Structure formats: structure tokens, C-alpha cells
Amino acid sequence: MGLALQEHTAVTLAYRKEKLFRIKRRNEERFQPLLAEGRLRAAFNAEVLAIEPGAVQLRVGGKEERLANDHVFVFAGGEPPFPLLKAMGLRFGR
């Protein structure tokens, strides 16, 4: 959410469920105003189809869309699926 507060940024949260699950109250209180102000876009029921140089392909509510991007952050729970992410061509570290 911090990136959504920066000028000249467009932030999209692609989330696989229909709403945020187990979000802490203080985060919810920060999240809703960012949505309302258009600083953050939430794509619920989203499936990541591909991560390409400069773009991400999503399926949101059954419709495919391509988002131009500079960076992708993956938050995949407590144990990141490193083999899957590496197979997709992602690199880790510097």
C-alpha cells in the first residue's frame, strides 16, 4: 500500500479471492481510502496468466487483460512457491 501513496505510480493488487481474507483492521482502514481515491486498483477474483518483460497478463472475472508494469511483487503466503516462480523465469535477489 505504501507504493500507492507515491506520486506517479499506478498500483494494482491482483487477488485470487472475491475479497481480502483475514486483513487486519488497520490495513483495511488504509486500504479502503486508497481504493476510493483511485490511488490503488483492486482486481479481485484474479488469476495471473503470465509475467512478461514490461507487462502482466491477468484473467479478472473471466476477462483477460494486459497491464503494463515496471515491477511485480509476489506475496504467496508463508512458503513462496520458488520452483514455480523460477520456472516462470523469475529471478531472486540482486
N, C-alpha and C. Protein backbone atom coordinates (compact mmCIF):
# COMPACT_ATOMS: atom_id res chain seq x y z
N MET A 1 0.82 -1.19 0.00
CA MET A 1 0.00 0.00 0.00
C MET A 1 0.86 1.25 0.00
N GLY A 2 2.06 1.14 0.53
CA GLY A 2 2.93 2.30 0.57
C GLY A 2 3.25 2.84 -0.81
N LEU A 3 3.40 1.97 -1.79
CA LEU A 3 3.69 2.44 -3.15
C LEU A 3 2.54 3.26 -3.72
N ALA A 4 1.32 2.94 -3.33
CA ALA A 4 0.16 3.67 -3.83
C ALA A 4 0.15 5.11 -3.34
N LEU A 5 0.89 5.41 -2.30
CA LEU A 5 0.96 6.77 -1.78
C LEU A 5 1.99 7.63 -2.51
N GLN A 6 2.83 7.00 -3.32
CA GLN A 6 3.88 7.72 -4.04
C GLN A 6 3.30 8.36 -5.30
N GLU A 7 3.81 9.54 -5.63
CA GLU A 7 3.38 10.20 -6.86
C GLU A 7 3.86 9.41 -8.07
N HIS A 8 3.11 9.54 -9.15
CA HIS A 8 3.47 8.95 -10.44
C HIS A 8 3.54 7.43 -10.40
N THR A 9 2.71 6.82 -9.55
CA THR A 9 2.65 5.36 -9.52
C THR A 9 1.23 4.91 -9.82
N ALA A 10 1.12 3.76 -10.41
CA ALA A 10 -0.16 3.09 -10.61
C ALA A 10 0.01 1.71 -9.99
N VAL A 11 -0.78 1.40 -8.98
CA VAL A 11 -0.64 0.16 -8.25
C VAL A 11 -1.90 -0.67 -8.41
N THR A 12 -1.72 -1.92 -8.81
CA THR A 12 -2.84 -2.86 -8.92
C THR A 12 -2.55 -4.04 -8.01
N LEU A 13 -3.51 -4.39 -7.17
CA LEU A 13 -3.43 -5.57 -6.33
C LEU A 13 -4.27 -6.65 -7.01
N ALA A 14 -3.62 -7.69 -7.52
CA ALA A 14 -4.33 -8.83 -8.11
C ALA A 14 -4.49 -9.87 -7.01
N TYR A 15 -5.74 -10.17 -6.68
CA TYR A 15 -6.02 -11.05 -5.55
C TYR A 15 -6.95 -12.16 -6.02
N ARG A 16 -6.65 -13.40 -5.69
CA ARG A 16 -7.38 -14.53 -6.26
C ARG A 16 -8.78 -14.75 -5.70
N LYS A 17 -9.08 -14.17 -4.57
CA LYS A 17 -10.41 -14.35 -3.98
C LYS A 17 -11.29 -13.14 -4.25
N GLU A 18 -12.57 -13.24 -3.87
CA GLU A 18 -13.51 -12.15 -4.16
C GLU A 18 -13.37 -10.96 -3.22
N LYS A 19 -12.69 -11.17 -2.09
CA LYS A 19 -12.42 -10.07 -1.16
C LYS A 19 -11.18 -10.42 -0.36
N LEU A 20 -10.61 -9.43 0.30
CA LEU A 20 -9.42 -9.68 1.11
C LEU A 20 -9.78 -10.57 2.29
N PHE A 21 -8.96 -11.56 2.51
CA PHE A 21 -9.20 -12.57 3.52
C PHE A 21 -8.25 -12.33 4.69
N ARG A 22 -8.78 -12.26 5.87
CA ARG A 22 -8.00 -12.08 7.11
C ARG A 22 -7.17 -10.80 7.12
N ILE A 23 -7.69 -9.73 6.56
CA ILE A 23 -6.96 -8.46 6.58
C ILE A 23 -7.09 -7.84 7.97
N LYS A 24 -6.01 -7.31 8.48
CA LYS A 24 -6.04 -6.65 9.78
C LYS A 24 -6.79 -5.33 9.67
N ARG A 25 -7.44 -4.95 10.74
CA ARG A 25 -8.28 -3.75 10.74
C ARG A 25 -7.51 -2.51 10.31
N ARG A 26 -6.30 -2.32 10.83
CA ARG A 26 -5.56 -1.11 10.47
C ARG A 26 -5.20 -1.10 8.99
N ASN A 27 -4.94 -2.27 8.42
CA ASN A 27 -4.67 -2.33 6.98
C ASN A 27 -5.93 -2.05 6.17
N GLU A 28 -7.05 -2.56 6.62
CA GLU A 28 -8.33 -2.29 5.95
C GLU A 28 -8.64 -0.79 5.98
N GLU A 29 -8.33 -0.15 7.11
CA GLU A 29 -8.57 1.30 7.23
C GLU A 29 -7.67 2.10 6.30
N ARG A 30 -6.53 1.58 5.94
CA ARG A 30 -5.63 2.24 4.98
C ARG A 30 -6.02 1.89 3.54
N PHE A 31 -6.49 0.68 3.35
CA PHE A 31 -6.79 0.15 2.02
C PHE A 31 -8.00 0.84 1.38
N GLN A 32 -9.08 0.95 2.13
CA GLN A 32 -10.33 1.50 1.56
C GLN A 32 -10.18 2.92 1.03
N PRO A 33 -9.55 3.85 1.76
CA PRO A 33 -9.38 5.20 1.20
C PRO A 33 -8.53 5.21 -0.07
N LEU A 34 -7.52 4.36 -0.14
CA LEU A 34 -6.69 4.31 -1.35
C LEU A 34 -7.51 3.87 -2.55
N LEU A 35 -8.41 2.92 -2.33
CA LEU A 35 -9.32 2.50 -3.41
C LEU A 35 -10.24 3.64 -3.81
N ALA A 36 -10.85 4.27 -2.81
CA ALA A 36 -11.81 5.34 -3.07
C ALA A 36 -11.17 6.52 -3.81
N GLU A 37 -9.91 6.80 -3.50
CA GLU A 37 -9.20 7.93 -4.12
C GLU A 37 -8.61 7.56 -5.48
N GLY A 38 -8.71 6.29 -5.86
CA GLY A 38 -8.14 5.86 -7.13
C GLY A 38 -6.63 5.70 -7.11
N ARG A 39 -6.04 5.68 -5.92
CA ARG A 39 -4.59 5.51 -5.79
C ARG A 39 -4.19 4.04 -5.93
N LEU A 40 -5.16 3.16 -5.72
CA LEU A 40 -4.93 1.72 -5.74
C LEU A 40 -6.09 1.07 -6.47
N ARG A 41 -5.79 0.12 -7.34
CA ARG A 41 -6.83 -0.65 -8.01
C ARG A 41 -6.78 -2.06 -7.45
N ALA A 42 -7.93 -2.61 -7.11
CA ALA A 42 -8.00 -3.99 -6.65
C ALA A 42 -8.66 -4.82 -7.74
N ALA A 43 -7.97 -5.87 -8.16
CA ALA A 43 -8.51 -6.81 -9.14
C ALA A 43 -8.80 -8.10 -8.39
N PHE A 44 -10.04 -8.24 -7.92
CA PHE A 44 -10.42 -9.44 -7.17
C PHE A 44 -10.80 -10.56 -8.14
N ASN A 45 -10.77 -11.80 -7.65
CA ASN A 45 -11.01 -12.97 -8.49
C ASN A 45 -10.05 -12.97 -9.68
N ALA A 46 -8.80 -12.64 -9.40
CA ALA A 46 -7.80 -12.51 -10.46
C ALA A 46 -6.90 -13.74 -10.51
N GLU A 47 -6.52 -14.08 -11.71
CA GLU A 47 -5.57 -15.16 -11.94
C GLU A 47 -4.44 -14.59 -12.80
N VAL A 48 -3.22 -14.76 -12.35
CA VAL A 48 -2.07 -14.31 -13.13
C VAL A 48 -1.81 -15.35 -14.21
N LEU A 49 -1.90 -14.93 -15.46
CA LEU A 49 -1.69 -15.83 -16.59
C LEU A 49 -0.24 -15.83 -17.05
N ALA A 50 0.39 -14.67 -17.00
CA ALA A 50 1.78 -14.57 -17.45
C ALA A 50 2.41 -13.30 -16.90
N ILE A 51 3.70 -13.39 -16.62
CA ILE A 51 4.50 -12.23 -16.26
C ILE A 51 5.55 -12.11 -17.35
N GLU A 52 5.51 -11.00 -18.06
CA GLU A 52 6.40 -10.78 -19.20
C GLU A 52 7.25 -9.54 -18.92
N PRO A 53 8.29 -9.33 -19.70
CA PRO A 53 9.04 -8.08 -19.55
C PRO A 53 8.12 -6.89 -19.85
N GLY A 54 7.87 -6.08 -18.85
CA GLY A 54 7.06 -4.88 -19.04
C GLY A 54 5.57 -5.06 -18.99
N ALA A 55 5.08 -6.27 -18.69
CA ALA A 55 3.63 -6.47 -18.65
C ALA A 55 3.26 -7.70 -17.83
N VAL A 56 2.02 -7.69 -17.35
CA VAL A 56 1.44 -8.83 -16.65
C VAL A 56 0.11 -9.13 -17.32
N GLN A 57 -0.15 -10.39 -17.56
CA GLN A 57 -1.44 -10.79 -18.12
C GLN A 57 -2.27 -11.41 -17.00
N LEU A 58 -3.49 -10.90 -16.85
CA LEU A 58 -4.40 -11.38 -15.82
C LEU A 58 -5.70 -11.85 -16.44
N ARG A 59 -6.39 -12.72 -15.72
CA ARG A 59 -7.79 -13.02 -16.00
C ARG A 59 -8.55 -12.54 -14.77
N VAL A 60 -9.42 -11.58 -14.97
CA VAL A 60 -10.18 -10.99 -13.86
C VAL A 60 -11.66 -11.15 -14.18
N GLY A 61 -12.36 -11.93 -13.34
CA GLY A 61 -13.79 -12.13 -13.58
C GLY A 61 -14.07 -12.73 -14.95
N GLY A 62 -13.19 -13.59 -15.44
CA GLY A 62 -13.39 -14.24 -16.72
C GLY A 62 -12.87 -13.48 -17.92
N LYS A 63 -12.44 -12.24 -17.74
CA LYS A 63 -11.93 -11.43 -18.85
C LYS A 63 -10.42 -11.29 -18.73
N GLU A 64 -9.74 -11.45 -19.85
CA GLU A 64 -8.29 -11.31 -19.86
C GLU A 64 -7.91 -9.85 -20.07
N GLU A 65 -6.86 -9.43 -19.38
CA GLU A 65 -6.34 -8.07 -19.55
C GLU A 65 -4.83 -8.08 -19.41
N ARG A 66 -4.22 -7.12 -20.04
CA ARG A 66 -2.76 -6.98 -20.01
C ARG A 66 -2.44 -5.63 -19.37
N LEU A 67 -1.63 -5.66 -18.32
CA LEU A 67 -1.24 -4.44 -17.62
C LEU A 67 0.24 -4.16 -17.86
N ALA A 68 0.54 -2.97 -18.32
CA ALA A 68 1.94 -2.57 -18.42
C ALA A 68 2.47 -2.40 -17.00
N ASN A 69 3.72 -2.79 -16.79
CA ASN A 69 4.28 -2.66 -15.44
C ASN A 69 5.79 -2.52 -15.47
N ASP A 70 6.31 -2.03 -14.37
CA ASP A 70 7.75 -1.96 -14.16
C ASP A 70 8.22 -3.06 -13.21
N HIS A 71 7.39 -3.37 -12.21
CA HIS A 71 7.78 -4.34 -11.19
C HIS A 71 6.58 -5.19 -10.80
N VAL A 72 6.86 -6.42 -10.40
CA VAL A 72 5.85 -7.34 -9.88
C VAL A 72 6.33 -7.82 -8.52
N PHE A 73 5.46 -7.73 -7.54
CA PHE A 73 5.75 -8.26 -6.21
C PHE A 73 4.83 -9.45 -6.00
N VAL A 74 5.39 -10.58 -5.59
CA VAL A 74 4.60 -11.79 -5.36
C VAL A 74 4.53 -12.03 -3.86
N PHE A 75 3.32 -12.04 -3.34
CA PHE A 75 3.07 -12.37 -1.94
C PHE A 75 2.24 -13.64 -1.96
N ALA A 76 2.91 -14.76 -1.72
CA ALA A 76 2.27 -16.06 -1.92
C ALA A 76 2.17 -16.87 -0.63
N GLY A 77 1.89 -16.21 0.46
CA GLY A 77 1.74 -16.92 1.71
C GLY A 77 3.08 -17.14 2.41
N GLY A 78 3.07 -18.01 3.39
CA GLY A 78 4.24 -18.24 4.22
C GLY A 78 5.39 -18.93 3.51
N GLU A 79 5.10 -19.81 2.59
CA GLU A 79 6.13 -20.55 1.87
C GLU A 79 6.02 -20.21 0.39
N PRO A 80 6.86 -19.31 -0.11
CA PRO A 80 6.79 -18.96 -1.53
C PRO A 80 7.04 -20.18 -2.41
N PRO A 81 6.32 -20.30 -3.51
CA PRO A 81 6.50 -21.43 -4.42
C PRO A 81 7.69 -21.19 -5.36
N PHE A 82 8.90 -21.24 -4.81
CA PHE A 82 10.10 -20.90 -5.58
C PHE A 82 10.25 -21.71 -6.86
N PRO A 83 10.06 -23.04 -6.85
CA PRO A 83 10.21 -23.78 -8.11
C PRO A 83 9.26 -23.27 -9.20
N LEU A 84 8.03 -23.00 -8.85
CA LEU A 84 7.07 -22.49 -9.83
C LEU A 84 7.50 -21.12 -10.34
N LEU A 85 7.88 -20.24 -9.43
CA LEU A 85 8.28 -18.89 -9.83
C LEU A 85 9.54 -18.92 -10.69
N LYS A 86 10.50 -19.78 -10.35
CA LYS A 86 11.71 -19.90 -11.17
C LYS A 86 11.37 -20.45 -12.55
N ALA A 87 10.44 -21.41 -12.62
CA ALA A 87 10.02 -21.96 -13.91
C ALA A 87 9.37 -20.90 -14.78
N MET A 88 8.79 -19.88 -14.15
CA MET A 88 8.17 -18.78 -14.89
C MET A 88 9.22 -17.77 -15.35
N GLY A 89 10.48 -18.00 -14.94
CA GLY A 89 11.55 -17.11 -15.36
C GLY A 89 11.88 -16.00 -14.38
N LEU A 90 11.32 -16.05 -13.18
CA LEU A 90 11.61 -15.01 -12.19
C LEU A 90 12.97 -15.24 -11.56
N ARG A 91 13.64 -14.14 -11.26
CA ARG A 91 14.94 -14.18 -10.58
C ARG A 91 14.75 -13.63 -9.17
N PHE A 92 15.62 -14.05 -8.28
CA PHE A 92 15.54 -13.62 -6.89
C PHE A 92 16.85 -13.00 -6.47
N GLY A 93 16.76 -11.99 -5.61
CA GLY A 93 17.95 -11.31 -5.13
C GLY A 93 18.50 -10.35 -6.16
N ARG A 94 19.69 -9.87 -5.91
CA ARG A 94 20.30 -8.89 -6.82
C ARG A 94 21.36 -9.52 -7.67
